[in-house]
């Protein structure tokens, strides 16, 4: 790998650093989720399932008996 490209172009260095930081933080988030599920036995707040339930409640018509 040509290290001079990272050192000469500040924008490319920032892009590379941001990509590495994003990858590291994503892996750290996965580790924390695994740790919470396996060791702490703590259920996680799952935003996607809450959004699906809220959307279904908001956009469907209620059944009137």
Protein backbone atom coordinates (compact mmCIF):
# COMPACT_ATOMS: atom_id res chain seq x y z
CA UNK A 1 0.00 0.00 0.00
CA UNK A 2 1.26 3.45 -0.84
CA UNK A 3 1.26 5.34 2.48
CA UNK A 4 2.23 8.61 0.81
CA UNK A 5 -1.26 8.84 -0.70
CA UNK A 6 -2.74 8.93 2.80
CA UNK A 7 -0.21 11.47 3.99
CA UNK A 8 -0.35 13.81 1.00
CA UNK A 9 -4.10 14.05 0.58
CA UNK A 10 -5.84 15.16 3.73
CA UNK A 11 -9.32 14.38 2.39
CA UNK A 12 -8.34 10.79 1.56
CA UNK A 13 -6.84 10.37 5.04
CA UNK A 14 -10.04 11.67 6.65
CA UNK A 15 -12.14 9.35 4.48
CA UNK A 16 -10.00 6.36 5.45
CA UNK A 17 -10.04 7.28 9.14
CA UNK A 18 -13.82 7.70 9.07
CA UNK A 19 -14.30 4.34 7.35
CA UNK A 20 -12.09 2.60 9.91
CA UNK A 21 -13.85 4.34 12.81
CA UNK A 22 -17.25 3.32 11.40
CA UNK A 23 -16.13 -0.28 11.05
CA UNK A 24 -14.68 -0.33 14.57
CA UNK A 25 -17.80 1.21 16.14
CA UNK A 26 -20.08 -1.19 14.26
CA UNK A 27 -18.06 -4.18 15.49
CA UNK A 28 -18.09 -2.74 19.01
CA UNK A 29 -21.90 -2.40 18.81
CA UNK A 30 -22.19 -6.04 17.73
CA UNK A 31 -19.95 -7.10 20.62
CA UNK A 32 -22.07 -5.16 23.12
CA UNK A 33 -25.25 -6.71 21.72
CA UNK A 34 -23.77 -10.20 22.03
CA UNK A 35 -22.56 -9.45 25.56
CA UNK A 36 -25.99 -8.18 26.55
CA UNK A 37 -27.77 -11.22 25.15
CA UNK A 38 -25.37 -13.92 26.35
CA UNK A 39 -24.03 -12.76 29.68
CA UNK A 40 -26.37 -10.15 31.10
CA UNK A 41 -29.57 -11.83 29.88
CA UNK A 42 -30.94 -8.36 29.23
CA UNK A 43 -33.40 -7.93 26.36
CA UNK A 44 -32.37 -5.26 23.92
CA UNK A 45 -34.55 -2.42 22.68
CA UNK A 46 -35.21 -3.35 19.07
CA UNK A 47 -36.09 -0.16 17.24
CA UNK A 48 -37.04 -1.90 13.99
CA UNK A 49 -39.69 -4.09 15.60
CA UNK A 50 -41.13 -1.11 17.48
CA UNK A 51 -41.33 0.89 14.25
CA UNK A 52 -43.09 -1.99 12.48
CA UNK A 53 -45.66 -2.28 15.28
CA UNK A 54 -46.21 1.49 15.36
CA UNK A 55 -46.61 1.63 11.59
CA UNK A 56 -49.09 -1.22 11.63
CA UNK A 57 -51.11 0.44 14.39
CA UNK A 58 -51.03 3.80 12.65
CA UNK A 59 -51.78 2.78 9.07
CA UNK A 60 -54.30 -0.07 9.49
CA UNK A 61 -57.97 0.46 10.10
CA UNK A 62 -59.30 -1.03 13.33
CA UNK A 63 -61.87 -3.79 13.19
CA UNK A 64 -65.19 -2.70 14.63
CA UNK A 65 -67.36 -5.54 15.90
